[in-house]
Amino acid sequence: MPAEATGSPSTVLVTGASSGIGEALAHCFARDGHRLVLVARRASRLRALAESLRNEHGTYVDVVPTDLARRGAAATLAAMLRRRRRAIDVLVNNAGVLGLGAFVGSSAAQRHRMIDLNVSGLTDMLAAFVPAMVRRGHGRVLNVASIAAFVPVPSLAVYAASKAYVLSLTESLAEELRDTGVTITGLCPGITATAMFTRAIRDNARVAEL
C-alpha cells in the first residue's frame, strides 16, 4: 500500500532481505515511500541494498544483521527495535532455506536448519511482533510460503512440509486475528529465480527438473 494512502509512511520489517524475493519486496515498499528494517544474515549484502534503496527512493532504511534460525533471535530483535522506538507496522516473513535430496541420507544439520528457520524462526517472529500490532489495533503480516505448501514433494520433503506449516499457520491466524485490525496473508510463489534456487541447482542438478 502506498504511504500516501495511509496518511503516513509505515515501518516495514523484511526478513531474508539480502536477495531474491525479500530484496524485490524491499524495493517495492521503498518505492511506495515506507520506512524499512532489513534483516538477514549477510551484513554486507544488507548494507549494499540499504544504500541502493536510499539512493533510488530516498527512504529511511535500518539494517539489522540477524540469524533468525538461532533460538531467541526474534525476541532479541524485537527488544532492540523497541529500544530504538521502531514500531513495526508491516512484517514480511520471507527468510527461509531450501534443501534437496532424499530424506534418508540427509544430514541432521540440513534438516534442523530448515526447521529452525522456516518453521521456528517464522513462528518466533510472529510471536515477537504480532501482539504489539494487536494492541495498537493495526498491522499487516505477509508470510512467504511456497507452492510446495499444497502437496508433498519427494526430494523436498522437509522443505515442503515446512511450507505447509507456514500456510496452515497463516490461515489459522487469519481467522484468529479477524476484527483486530491486523491482517495476515500467505504468499505461495512457484519456482523463482533466486539465489536460494541457484544454490540448490548447484548442489543437485535435479532441482532444475522440478
N, C-alpha and C. Protein backbone atom coordinates (compact mmCIF):
# COMPACT_ATOMS: atom_id res chain seq x y z
N MET A 1 0.85 -1.20 0.00
CA MET A 1 0.00 0.00 0.00
C MET A 1 0.88 1.24 0.00
N PRO A 2 0.69 2.17 -0.93
CA PRO A 2 1.48 3.40 -0.93
C PRO A 2 1.33 4.16 0.37
N ALA A 3 2.41 4.82 0.80
CA ALA A 3 2.38 5.56 2.06
C ALA A 3 1.31 6.64 2.04
N GLU A 4 1.10 7.25 0.86
CA GLU A 4 0.13 8.33 0.80
C GLU A 4 -1.28 7.85 1.14
N ALA A 5 -1.55 6.57 0.86
CA ALA A 5 -2.90 6.05 1.10
C ALA A 5 -3.19 5.90 2.58
N THR A 6 -2.14 5.76 3.40
CA THR A 6 -2.35 5.58 4.83
C THR A 6 -2.18 6.88 5.60
N GLY A 7 -1.74 7.95 4.93
CA GLY A 7 -1.57 9.23 5.59
C GLY A 7 -0.18 9.43 6.14
N SER A 8 0.57 8.34 6.39
CA SER A 8 1.94 8.45 6.87
C SER A 8 2.66 7.17 6.49
N PRO A 9 3.99 7.24 6.35
CA PRO A 9 4.73 6.05 5.96
C PRO A 9 4.73 5.01 7.07
N SER A 10 4.53 3.76 6.71
CA SER A 10 4.62 2.66 7.65
C SER A 10 6.07 2.21 7.77
N THR A 11 6.37 1.51 8.86
CA THR A 11 7.67 0.88 9.02
C THR A 11 7.50 -0.60 8.71
N VAL A 12 8.27 -1.07 7.73
CA VAL A 12 8.14 -2.44 7.22
C VAL A 12 9.40 -3.21 7.56
N LEU A 13 9.26 -4.35 8.21
CA LEU A 13 10.38 -5.23 8.51
C LEU A 13 10.35 -6.38 7.53
N VAL A 14 11.43 -6.57 6.78
CA VAL A 14 11.54 -7.64 5.80
C VAL A 14 12.67 -8.57 6.21
N THR A 15 12.36 -9.84 6.44
CA THR A 15 13.40 -10.82 6.74
C THR A 15 13.85 -11.49 5.44
N GLY A 16 15.05 -12.03 5.46
CA GLY A 16 15.59 -12.62 4.23
C GLY A 16 15.70 -11.58 3.13
N ALA A 17 16.08 -10.36 3.53
CA ALA A 17 16.02 -9.22 2.60
C ALA A 17 17.25 -9.07 1.73
N SER A 18 18.27 -9.89 1.93
CA SER A 18 19.55 -9.64 1.25
C SER A 18 19.54 -10.07 -0.21
N SER A 19 18.53 -10.83 -0.65
CA SER A 19 18.48 -11.27 -2.05
C SER A 19 17.09 -11.78 -2.37
N GLY A 20 16.87 -12.11 -3.65
CA GLY A 20 15.65 -12.80 -4.07
C GLY A 20 14.37 -12.05 -3.81
N ILE A 21 13.36 -12.78 -3.34
CA ILE A 21 12.03 -12.21 -3.12
C ILE A 21 12.08 -11.12 -2.06
N GLY A 22 12.86 -11.32 -1.00
CA GLY A 22 12.95 -10.31 0.04
C GLY A 22 13.50 -9.00 -0.48
N GLU A 23 14.54 -9.07 -1.29
CA GLU A 23 15.12 -7.87 -1.88
C GLU A 23 14.13 -7.17 -2.80
N ALA A 24 13.41 -7.96 -3.60
CA ALA A 24 12.42 -7.38 -4.52
C ALA A 24 11.30 -6.68 -3.75
N LEU A 25 10.84 -7.30 -2.68
CA LEU A 25 9.78 -6.69 -1.88
C LEU A 25 10.28 -5.42 -1.20
N ALA A 26 11.53 -5.42 -0.75
CA ALA A 26 12.10 -4.22 -0.14
C ALA A 26 12.06 -3.05 -1.12
N HIS A 27 12.39 -3.31 -2.38
CA HIS A 27 12.33 -2.26 -3.39
C HIS A 27 10.89 -1.77 -3.58
N CYS A 28 9.93 -2.69 -3.57
CA CYS A 28 8.52 -2.29 -3.74
C CYS A 28 8.08 -1.37 -2.60
N PHE A 29 8.38 -1.75 -1.37
CA PHE A 29 7.98 -0.93 -0.22
C PHE A 29 8.70 0.42 -0.23
N ALA A 30 9.99 0.42 -0.58
CA ALA A 30 10.74 1.67 -0.62
C ALA A 30 10.18 2.60 -1.69
N ARG A 31 9.84 2.04 -2.83
CA ARG A 31 9.28 2.85 -3.92
C ARG A 31 7.98 3.51 -3.49
N ASP A 32 7.22 2.83 -2.62
CA ASP A 32 5.95 3.40 -2.15
C ASP A 32 6.12 4.30 -0.94
N GLY A 33 7.36 4.56 -0.53
CA GLY A 33 7.61 5.57 0.49
C GLY A 33 7.63 5.08 1.92
N HIS A 34 7.70 3.78 2.14
CA HIS A 34 7.71 3.25 3.51
C HIS A 34 9.13 3.20 4.08
N ARG A 35 9.23 3.31 5.38
CA ARG A 35 10.49 3.09 6.08
C ARG A 35 10.75 1.58 6.16
N LEU A 36 12.03 1.21 6.17
CA LEU A 36 12.37 -0.21 6.12
C LEU A 36 13.32 -0.62 7.23
N VAL A 37 13.09 -1.81 7.75
CA VAL A 37 14.05 -2.50 8.60
C VAL A 37 14.38 -3.81 7.88
N LEU A 38 15.63 -3.96 7.47
CA LEU A 38 16.05 -5.12 6.69
C LEU A 38 16.82 -6.09 7.57
N VAL A 39 16.41 -7.36 7.52
CA VAL A 39 17.00 -8.39 8.36
C VAL A 39 17.45 -9.56 7.50
N ALA A 40 18.68 -10.00 7.70
CA ALA A 40 19.22 -11.20 7.06
C ALA A 40 20.55 -11.50 7.73
N ARG A 41 21.17 -12.61 7.38
CA ARG A 41 22.46 -12.95 7.97
C ARG A 41 23.61 -12.16 7.37
N ARG A 42 23.53 -11.87 6.07
CA ARG A 42 24.68 -11.30 5.36
C ARG A 42 24.69 -9.77 5.48
N ALA A 43 25.53 -9.29 6.41
CA ALA A 43 25.56 -7.86 6.69
C ALA A 43 25.99 -7.03 5.49
N SER A 44 26.98 -7.51 4.75
CA SER A 44 27.48 -6.72 3.61
C SER A 44 26.42 -6.57 2.53
N ARG A 45 25.67 -7.64 2.27
CA ARG A 45 24.60 -7.56 1.27
C ARG A 45 23.49 -6.62 1.73
N LEU A 46 23.16 -6.67 3.02
CA LEU A 46 22.14 -5.77 3.54
C LEU A 46 22.55 -4.31 3.42
N ARG A 47 23.82 -4.04 3.77
CA ARG A 47 24.29 -2.65 3.69
C ARG A 47 24.28 -2.14 2.25
N ALA A 48 24.66 -3.01 1.32
CA ALA A 48 24.65 -2.60 -0.09
C ALA A 48 23.22 -2.33 -0.57
N LEU A 49 22.28 -3.19 -0.15
CA LEU A 49 20.89 -2.98 -0.53
C LEU A 49 20.35 -1.70 0.09
N ALA A 50 20.66 -1.47 1.35
CA ALA A 50 20.18 -0.26 2.02
C ALA A 50 20.67 0.99 1.30
N GLU A 51 21.93 1.00 0.89
CA GLU A 51 22.47 2.15 0.18
C GLU A 51 21.75 2.35 -1.15
N SER A 52 21.48 1.25 -1.84
CA SER A 52 20.77 1.33 -3.11
C SER A 52 19.36 1.89 -2.92
N LEU A 53 18.66 1.43 -1.88
CA LEU A 53 17.30 1.89 -1.62
C LEU A 53 17.28 3.37 -1.25
N ARG A 54 18.25 3.80 -0.46
CA ARG A 54 18.32 5.22 -0.09
C ARG A 54 18.57 6.09 -1.31
N ASN A 55 19.49 5.63 -2.16
CA ASN A 55 19.82 6.42 -3.35
C ASN A 55 18.67 6.47 -4.35
N GLU A 56 18.00 5.33 -4.55
CA GLU A 56 16.93 5.25 -5.55
C GLU A 56 15.63 5.87 -5.09
N HIS A 57 15.32 5.72 -3.80
CA HIS A 57 13.98 6.10 -3.33
C HIS A 57 13.99 7.13 -2.22
N GLY A 58 15.16 7.45 -1.66
CA GLY A 58 15.23 8.44 -0.59
C GLY A 58 14.51 8.02 0.67
N THR A 59 14.40 6.72 0.91
CA THR A 59 13.66 6.22 2.06
C THR A 59 14.59 5.91 3.21
N TYR A 60 14.01 5.88 4.44
CA TYR A 60 14.78 5.51 5.62
C TYR A 60 14.95 3.99 5.63
N VAL A 61 16.18 3.51 5.84
CA VAL A 61 16.46 2.08 5.88
C VAL A 61 17.36 1.78 7.06
N ASP A 62 16.92 0.85 7.90
CA ASP A 62 17.71 0.37 9.02
C ASP A 62 18.13 -1.06 8.71
N VAL A 63 19.39 -1.40 8.99
CA VAL A 63 19.93 -2.73 8.70
C VAL A 63 20.24 -3.44 10.00
N VAL A 64 19.69 -4.66 10.15
CA VAL A 64 19.92 -5.44 11.37
C VAL A 64 20.33 -6.86 10.99
N PRO A 65 21.63 -7.13 10.85
CA PRO A 65 22.07 -8.49 10.54
C PRO A 65 21.69 -9.44 11.67
N THR A 66 20.94 -10.49 11.34
CA THR A 66 20.43 -11.43 12.34
C THR A 66 20.25 -12.80 11.71
N ASP A 67 20.62 -13.83 12.45
CA ASP A 67 20.34 -15.21 12.02
C ASP A 67 19.09 -15.67 12.76
N LEU A 68 17.97 -15.67 12.08
CA LEU A 68 16.69 -15.99 12.72
C LEU A 68 16.52 -17.47 13.02
N ALA A 69 17.48 -18.29 12.58
CA ALA A 69 17.43 -19.71 12.94
C ALA A 69 17.91 -19.94 14.38
N ARG A 70 18.57 -18.94 14.95
CA ARG A 70 19.05 -19.07 16.33
C ARG A 70 17.89 -18.88 17.31
N ARG A 71 17.83 -19.74 18.29
CA ARG A 71 16.78 -19.63 19.30
C ARG A 71 16.90 -18.30 20.03
N GLY A 72 15.80 -17.60 20.16
CA GLY A 72 15.78 -16.32 20.85
C GLY A 72 16.11 -15.13 19.98
N ALA A 73 16.48 -15.37 18.70
CA ALA A 73 16.89 -14.26 17.84
C ALA A 73 15.75 -13.28 17.59
N ALA A 74 14.54 -13.79 17.37
CA ALA A 74 13.40 -12.90 17.09
C ALA A 74 13.08 -12.02 18.30
N ALA A 75 13.10 -12.60 19.49
CA ALA A 75 12.82 -11.82 20.69
C ALA A 75 13.88 -10.76 20.91
N THR A 76 15.15 -11.11 20.65
CA THR A 76 16.23 -10.15 20.78
C THR A 76 16.07 -9.00 19.79
N LEU A 77 15.69 -9.34 18.56
CA LEU A 77 15.45 -8.32 17.54
C LEU A 77 14.32 -7.39 17.95
N ALA A 78 13.22 -7.95 18.41
CA ALA A 78 12.07 -7.13 18.82
C ALA A 78 12.44 -6.21 19.97
N ALA A 79 13.21 -6.70 20.94
CA ALA A 79 13.61 -5.88 22.08
C ALA A 79 14.50 -4.73 21.63
N MET A 80 15.41 -5.02 20.69
CA MET A 80 16.30 -3.97 20.19
C MET A 80 15.51 -2.88 19.47
N LEU A 81 14.53 -3.28 18.67
CA LEU A 81 13.73 -2.29 17.95
C LEU A 81 12.85 -1.48 18.90
N ARG A 82 12.39 -2.10 19.97
CA ARG A 82 11.64 -1.33 20.97
C ARG A 82 12.52 -0.27 21.61
N ARG A 83 13.77 -0.62 21.90
CA ARG A 83 14.69 0.36 22.48
C ARG A 83 14.94 1.51 21.52
N ARG A 84 14.93 1.21 20.23
CA ARG A 84 15.12 2.26 19.21
C ARG A 84 13.81 2.97 18.86
N ARG A 85 12.72 2.57 19.52
CA ARG A 85 11.40 3.15 19.28
C ARG A 85 10.96 2.95 17.83
N ARG A 86 11.21 1.75 17.30
CA ARG A 86 10.78 1.37 15.96
C ARG A 86 9.56 0.46 16.06
N ALA A 87 8.38 1.01 15.91
CA ALA A 87 7.16 0.19 15.90
C ALA A 87 6.99 -0.38 14.50
N ILE A 88 6.81 -1.69 14.40
CA ILE A 88 6.70 -2.35 13.11
C ILE A 88 5.23 -2.43 12.70
N ASP A 89 4.92 -1.82 11.58
CA ASP A 89 3.54 -1.82 11.06
C ASP A 89 3.29 -2.99 10.11
N VAL A 90 4.32 -3.38 9.38
CA VAL A 90 4.20 -4.47 8.40
C VAL A 90 5.37 -5.43 8.61
N LEU A 91 5.06 -6.71 8.79
CA LEU A 91 6.08 -7.74 8.95
C LEU A 91 6.04 -8.66 7.73
N VAL A 92 7.17 -8.79 7.05
CA VAL A 92 7.28 -9.71 5.92
C VAL A 92 8.22 -10.85 6.34
N ASN A 93 7.64 -12.01 6.59
CA ASN A 93 8.41 -13.19 6.97
C ASN A 93 8.83 -13.93 5.71
N ASN A 94 10.00 -13.56 5.20
CA ASN A 94 10.48 -14.14 3.94
C ASN A 94 11.67 -15.07 4.13
N ALA A 95 12.39 -14.95 5.24
CA ALA A 95 13.60 -15.75 5.43
C ALA A 95 13.28 -17.24 5.36
N GLY A 96 14.09 -17.96 4.61
CA GLY A 96 13.89 -19.41 4.51
C GLY A 96 15.07 -20.06 3.82
N VAL A 97 15.13 -21.37 3.94
CA VAL A 97 16.21 -22.12 3.30
C VAL A 97 15.63 -23.39 2.70
N LEU A 98 16.23 -23.82 1.60
CA LEU A 98 15.75 -24.99 0.87
C LEU A 98 16.84 -26.06 0.87
N GLY A 99 16.42 -27.32 1.02
CA GLY A 99 17.36 -28.42 0.92
C GLY A 99 16.77 -29.53 0.08
N LEU A 100 17.52 -29.98 -0.92
CA LEU A 100 17.04 -31.01 -1.84
C LEU A 100 17.75 -32.33 -1.58
N GLY A 101 17.01 -33.41 -1.71
CA GLY A 101 17.61 -34.75 -1.60
C GLY A 101 16.68 -35.68 -0.84
N ALA A 102 16.97 -36.97 -0.94
CA ALA A 102 16.18 -37.96 -0.22
C ALA A 102 16.31 -37.74 1.28
N PHE A 103 15.23 -37.97 2.01
CA PHE A 103 15.26 -37.81 3.46
C PHE A 103 16.29 -38.76 4.06
N VAL A 104 16.27 -40.00 3.61
CA VAL A 104 17.27 -40.95 4.06
C VAL A 104 18.61 -40.54 3.45
N GLY A 105 19.56 -40.27 4.29
CA GLY A 105 20.85 -39.80 3.81
C GLY A 105 21.05 -38.32 3.98
N SER A 106 19.99 -37.58 4.27
CA SER A 106 20.16 -36.15 4.51
C SER A 106 20.80 -35.94 5.88
N SER A 107 21.48 -34.85 6.04
CA SER A 107 22.18 -34.61 7.31
C SER A 107 21.23 -33.99 8.33
N ALA A 108 21.50 -34.28 9.58
CA ALA A 108 20.70 -33.67 10.65
C ALA A 108 20.84 -32.16 10.62
N ALA A 109 22.04 -31.67 10.30
CA ALA A 109 22.25 -30.22 10.27
C ALA A 109 21.37 -29.56 9.22
N GLN A 110 21.26 -30.19 8.03
CA GLN A 110 20.42 -29.64 6.97
C GLN A 110 18.96 -29.62 7.38
N ARG A 111 18.50 -30.73 7.94
CA ARG A 111 17.09 -30.81 8.35
C ARG A 111 16.79 -29.79 9.44
N HIS A 112 17.66 -29.70 10.43
CA HIS A 112 17.42 -28.79 11.55
C HIS A 112 17.47 -27.33 11.09
N ARG A 113 18.35 -27.03 10.15
CA ARG A 113 18.43 -25.66 9.65
C ARG A 113 17.12 -25.23 9.01
N MET A 114 16.53 -26.12 8.18
CA MET A 114 15.26 -25.79 7.55
C MET A 114 14.15 -25.60 8.57
N ILE A 115 14.08 -26.50 9.54
CA ILE A 115 13.03 -26.41 10.55
C ILE A 115 13.25 -25.19 11.45
N ASP A 116 14.51 -24.96 11.85
CA ASP A 116 14.79 -23.85 12.75
C ASP A 116 14.48 -22.50 12.10
N LEU A 117 14.73 -22.36 10.79
CA LEU A 117 14.47 -21.08 10.13
C LEU A 117 13.06 -21.01 9.57
N ASN A 118 12.67 -22.00 8.75
CA ASN A 118 11.39 -21.94 8.05
C ASN A 118 10.20 -22.05 8.99
N VAL A 119 10.35 -22.81 10.07
CA VAL A 119 9.23 -23.04 11.00
C VAL A 119 9.41 -22.25 12.29
N SER A 120 10.46 -22.57 13.04
CA SER A 120 10.62 -21.94 14.36
C SER A 120 10.92 -20.45 14.24
N GLY A 121 11.80 -20.07 13.31
CA GLY A 121 12.14 -18.66 13.18
C GLY A 121 10.94 -17.82 12.79
N LEU A 122 10.17 -18.31 11.81
CA LEU A 122 8.97 -17.58 11.39
C LEU A 122 7.95 -17.48 12.51
N THR A 123 7.74 -18.58 13.23
CA THR A 123 6.79 -18.58 14.34
C THR A 123 7.22 -17.61 15.43
N ASP A 124 8.51 -17.59 15.72
CA ASP A 124 9.02 -16.68 16.74
C ASP A 124 8.86 -15.22 16.32
N MET A 125 9.03 -14.93 15.04
CA MET A 125 8.83 -13.56 14.56
C MET A 125 7.38 -13.13 14.75
N LEU A 126 6.46 -14.02 14.48
CA LEU A 126 5.05 -13.70 14.70
C LEU A 126 4.79 -13.42 16.17
N ALA A 127 5.33 -14.28 17.04
CA ALA A 127 5.13 -14.10 18.47
C ALA A 127 5.76 -12.82 18.98
N ALA A 128 6.84 -12.39 18.34
CA ALA A 128 7.56 -11.20 18.79
C ALA A 128 6.90 -9.90 18.34
N PHE A 129 6.20 -9.91 17.21
CA PHE A 129 5.72 -8.65 16.63
C PHE A 129 4.20 -8.54 16.52
N VAL A 130 3.47 -9.62 16.37
CA VAL A 130 2.02 -9.53 16.17
C VAL A 130 1.29 -9.02 17.42
N PRO A 131 1.64 -9.46 18.64
CA PRO A 131 0.90 -8.93 19.80
C PRO A 131 0.90 -7.41 19.90
N ALA A 132 2.02 -6.77 19.57
CA ALA A 132 2.06 -5.30 19.61
C ALA A 132 1.15 -4.70 18.55
N MET A 133 1.08 -5.33 17.38
CA MET A 133 0.16 -4.87 16.34
C MET A 133 -1.28 -4.94 16.84
N VAL A 134 -1.61 -6.05 17.50
CA VAL A 134 -2.98 -6.21 18.01
C VAL A 134 -3.29 -5.14 19.05
N ARG A 135 -2.33 -4.87 19.93
CA ARG A 135 -2.55 -3.82 20.95
C ARG A 135 -2.78 -2.46 20.31
N ARG A 136 -2.06 -2.17 19.22
CA ARG A 136 -2.22 -0.88 18.53
C ARG A 136 -3.46 -0.85 17.65
N GLY A 137 -4.00 -2.02 17.32
CA GLY A 137 -5.21 -2.09 16.51
C GLY A 137 -4.98 -2.01 15.02
N HIS A 138 -3.72 -2.19 14.59
CA HIS A 138 -3.45 -2.21 13.15
C HIS A 138 -2.12 -2.91 12.89
N GLY A 139 -2.04 -3.51 11.72
CA GLY A 139 -0.80 -4.18 11.32
C GLY A 139 -1.06 -5.10 10.15
N ARG A 140 0.02 -5.42 9.46
CA ARG A 140 -0.06 -6.32 8.30
C ARG A 140 1.09 -7.32 8.38
N VAL A 141 0.80 -8.57 8.06
CA VAL A 141 1.82 -9.61 8.03
C VAL A 141 1.74 -10.34 6.70
N LEU A 142 2.89 -10.56 6.08
CA LEU A 142 2.98 -11.37 4.88
C LEU A 142 3.94 -12.52 5.17
N ASN A 143 3.43 -13.74 5.17
CA ASN A 143 4.25 -14.93 5.35
C ASN A 143 4.53 -15.54 3.98
N VAL A 144 5.80 -15.69 3.64
CA VAL A 144 6.17 -16.27 2.35
C VAL A 144 6.26 -17.78 2.50
N ALA A 145 5.29 -18.47 1.92
CA ALA A 145 5.28 -19.93 1.92
C ALA A 145 5.83 -20.39 0.57
N SER A 146 5.10 -21.23 -0.14
CA SER A 146 5.56 -21.76 -1.43
C SER A 146 4.44 -22.56 -2.04
N ILE A 147 4.50 -22.73 -3.35
CA ILE A 147 3.56 -23.64 -4.00
C ILE A 147 3.73 -25.04 -3.46
N ALA A 148 4.92 -25.34 -2.90
CA ALA A 148 5.18 -26.65 -2.29
C ALA A 148 4.36 -26.87 -1.03
N ALA A 149 3.71 -25.81 -0.52
CA ALA A 149 2.89 -25.96 0.68
C ALA A 149 1.64 -26.79 0.43
N PHE A 150 1.25 -26.94 -0.83
CA PHE A 150 -0.03 -27.57 -1.14
C PHE A 150 0.05 -29.08 -1.34
N VAL A 151 1.24 -29.59 -1.62
CA VAL A 151 1.37 -31.02 -1.91
C VAL A 151 2.69 -31.54 -1.34
N PRO A 152 2.75 -32.83 -0.97
CA PRO A 152 4.05 -33.41 -0.60
C PRO A 152 4.97 -33.41 -1.81
N VAL A 153 6.26 -33.14 -1.59
CA VAL A 153 7.22 -33.08 -2.69
C VAL A 153 8.40 -34.00 -2.38
N PRO A 154 8.43 -35.20 -2.95
CA PRO A 154 9.59 -36.07 -2.74
C PRO A 154 10.87 -35.35 -3.15
N SER A 155 11.91 -35.57 -2.39
CA SER A 155 13.22 -34.93 -2.55
C SER A 155 13.24 -33.49 -2.01
N LEU A 156 12.07 -32.98 -1.68
CA LEU A 156 11.99 -31.70 -0.96
C LEU A 156 11.08 -31.88 0.25
N ALA A 157 11.13 -33.05 0.86
CA ALA A 157 10.14 -33.45 1.85
C ALA A 157 10.08 -32.49 3.04
N VAL A 158 11.22 -32.19 3.63
CA VAL A 158 11.23 -31.33 4.82
C VAL A 158 10.89 -29.89 4.44
N TYR A 159 11.44 -29.43 3.33
CA TYR A 159 11.14 -28.07 2.87
C TYR A 159 9.64 -27.91 2.61
N ALA A 160 9.05 -28.84 1.85
CA ALA A 160 7.62 -28.75 1.53
C ALA A 160 6.78 -28.82 2.80
N ALA A 161 7.18 -29.69 3.73
CA ALA A 161 6.43 -29.80 4.99
C ALA A 161 6.54 -28.51 5.79
N SER A 162 7.70 -27.87 5.75
CA SER A 162 7.86 -26.61 6.47
C SER A 162 6.97 -25.52 5.88
N LYS A 163 6.81 -25.52 4.57
CA LYS A 163 5.97 -24.51 3.93
C LYS A 163 4.49 -24.83 4.12
N ALA A 164 4.15 -26.11 4.22
CA ALA A 164 2.77 -26.47 4.56
C ALA A 164 2.42 -25.94 5.95
N TYR A 165 3.38 -26.02 6.86
CA TYR A 165 3.19 -25.46 8.19
C TYR A 165 2.93 -23.95 8.11
N VAL A 166 3.75 -23.26 7.32
CA VAL A 166 3.60 -21.80 7.19
C VAL A 166 2.20 -21.46 6.67
N LEU A 167 1.75 -22.16 5.66
CA LEU A 167 0.43 -21.88 5.09
C LEU A 167 -0.68 -22.18 6.09
N SER A 168 -0.60 -23.32 6.77
CA SER A 168 -1.63 -23.67 7.75
C SER A 168 -1.67 -22.67 8.89
N LEU A 169 -0.51 -22.29 9.39
CA LEU A 169 -0.45 -21.31 10.47
C LEU A 169 -1.04 -19.98 10.03
N THR A 170 -0.70 -19.56 8.81
CA THR A 170 -1.21 -18.29 8.29
C THR A 170 -2.73 -18.30 8.21
N GLU A 171 -3.29 -19.38 7.69
CA GLU A 171 -4.75 -19.45 7.55
C GLU A 171 -5.44 -19.47 8.93
N SER A 172 -4.84 -20.16 9.89
CA SER A 172 -5.42 -20.19 11.23
C SER A 172 -5.38 -18.81 11.89
N LEU A 173 -4.23 -18.14 11.77
CA LEU A 173 -4.10 -16.83 12.40
C LEU A 173 -4.96 -15.77 11.72
N ALA A 174 -5.19 -15.94 10.41
CA ALA A 174 -6.08 -15.00 9.72
C ALA A 174 -7.46 -15.00 10.36
N GLU A 175 -7.90 -16.18 10.78
CA GLU A 175 -9.21 -16.27 11.45
C GLU A 175 -9.12 -15.74 12.88
N GLU A 176 -8.04 -16.09 13.59
CA GLU A 176 -7.90 -15.61 14.97
C GLU A 176 -7.81 -14.09 15.04
N LEU A 177 -7.20 -13.50 14.03
CA LEU A 177 -6.97 -12.04 14.04
C LEU A 177 -8.12 -11.24 13.44
N ARG A 178 -9.16 -11.94 13.02
CA ARG A 178 -10.32 -11.25 12.47
C ARG A 178 -10.83 -10.20 13.45
N ASP A 179 -11.11 -9.01 12.94
CA ASP A 179 -11.66 -7.89 13.73
C ASP A 179 -10.66 -7.27 14.70
N THR A 180 -9.37 -7.59 14.57
CA THR A 180 -8.37 -6.96 15.44
C THR A 180 -7.72 -5.75 14.77
N GLY A 181 -7.93 -5.60 13.46
CA GLY A 181 -7.22 -4.57 12.71
C GLY A 181 -5.91 -5.06 12.14
N VAL A 182 -5.57 -6.32 12.42
CA VAL A 182 -4.34 -6.93 11.91
C VAL A 182 -4.71 -8.00 10.90
N THR A 183 -4.09 -7.95 9.73
CA THR A 183 -4.33 -8.98 8.72
C THR A 183 -3.05 -9.78 8.49
N ILE A 184 -3.22 -11.03 8.09
CA ILE A 184 -2.08 -11.89 7.80
C ILE A 184 -2.36 -12.63 6.50
N THR A 185 -1.39 -12.62 5.61
CA THR A 185 -1.54 -13.14 4.25
C THR A 185 -0.42 -14.11 3.94
N GLY A 186 -0.73 -15.17 3.19
CA GLY A 186 0.28 -16.10 2.75
C GLY A 186 0.60 -15.89 1.28
N LEU A 187 1.88 -15.85 0.95
CA LEU A 187 2.35 -15.76 -0.43
C LEU A 187 2.94 -17.11 -0.80
N CYS A 188 2.46 -17.70 -1.90
CA CYS A 188 2.89 -19.04 -2.30
C CYS A 188 3.46 -19.02 -3.72
N PRO A 189 4.68 -18.50 -3.89
CA PRO A 189 5.27 -18.45 -5.23
C PRO A 189 5.66 -19.82 -5.74
N GLY A 190 5.69 -19.96 -7.05
CA GLY A 190 6.24 -21.15 -7.66
C GLY A 190 7.75 -21.05 -7.73
N ILE A 191 8.37 -21.88 -8.56
CA ILE A 191 9.82 -21.84 -8.70
C ILE A 191 10.24 -20.46 -9.19
N THR A 192 11.15 -19.84 -8.47
CA THR A 192 11.54 -18.46 -8.72
C THR A 192 13.05 -18.37 -8.86
N ALA A 193 13.51 -17.53 -9.76
CA ALA A 193 14.95 -17.39 -10.00
C ALA A 193 15.57 -16.56 -8.88
N THR A 194 15.92 -17.22 -7.79
CA THR A 194 16.56 -16.58 -6.65
C THR A 194 17.89 -17.25 -6.36
N ALA A 195 18.66 -16.63 -5.47
CA ALA A 195 19.95 -17.21 -5.09
C ALA A 195 19.75 -18.57 -4.41
N MET A 196 18.67 -18.71 -3.64
CA MET A 196 18.39 -19.98 -2.98
C MET A 196 18.19 -21.09 -4.01
N PHE A 197 17.47 -20.78 -5.09
CA PHE A 197 17.22 -21.75 -6.15
C PHE A 197 18.51 -22.07 -6.89
N THR A 198 19.32 -21.04 -7.15
CA THR A 198 20.60 -21.25 -7.84
C THR A 198 21.52 -22.15 -7.03
N ARG A 199 21.57 -21.91 -5.71
CA ARG A 199 22.40 -22.77 -4.86
C ARG A 199 21.91 -24.20 -4.87
N ALA A 200 20.60 -24.38 -4.87
CA ALA A 200 20.05 -25.73 -4.87
C ALA A 200 20.41 -26.46 -6.17
N ILE A 201 20.37 -25.77 -7.31
CA ILE A 201 20.77 -26.37 -8.59
C ILE A 201 22.25 -26.74 -8.56
N ARG A 202 23.05 -25.87 -7.99
CA ARG A 202 24.48 -26.14 -7.90
C ARG A 202 24.75 -27.39 -7.09
N ASP A 203 23.98 -27.58 -6.01
CA ASP A 203 24.17 -28.73 -5.16
C ASP A 203 23.57 -30.00 -5.75
N ASN A 204 22.52 -29.85 -6.56
CA ASN A 204 21.84 -31.02 -7.12
C ASN A 204 21.11 -30.58 -8.40
N ALA A 205 21.58 -31.04 -9.55
CA ALA A 205 21.02 -30.60 -10.83
C ALA A 205 19.57 -31.01 -11.00
N ARG A 206 19.08 -31.95 -10.24
CA ARG A 206 17.68 -32.41 -10.35
C ARG A 206 16.68 -31.31 -10.01
N VAL A 207 17.14 -30.30 -9.26
CA VAL A 207 16.22 -29.19 -8.92
C VAL A 207 15.66 -28.55 -10.18
N ALA A 208 16.49 -28.42 -11.21
CA ALA A 208 16.07 -27.78 -12.45
C ALA A 208 14.96 -28.54 -13.15
N GLU A 209 14.75 -29.80 -12.78
CA GLU A 209 13.71 -30.62 -13.41
C GLU A 209 12.37 -30.51 -12.71
N LEU A 210 12.33 -29.86 -11.52
CA LEU A 210 11.10 -29.79 -10.75
C LEU A 210 10.10 -28.82 -11.38
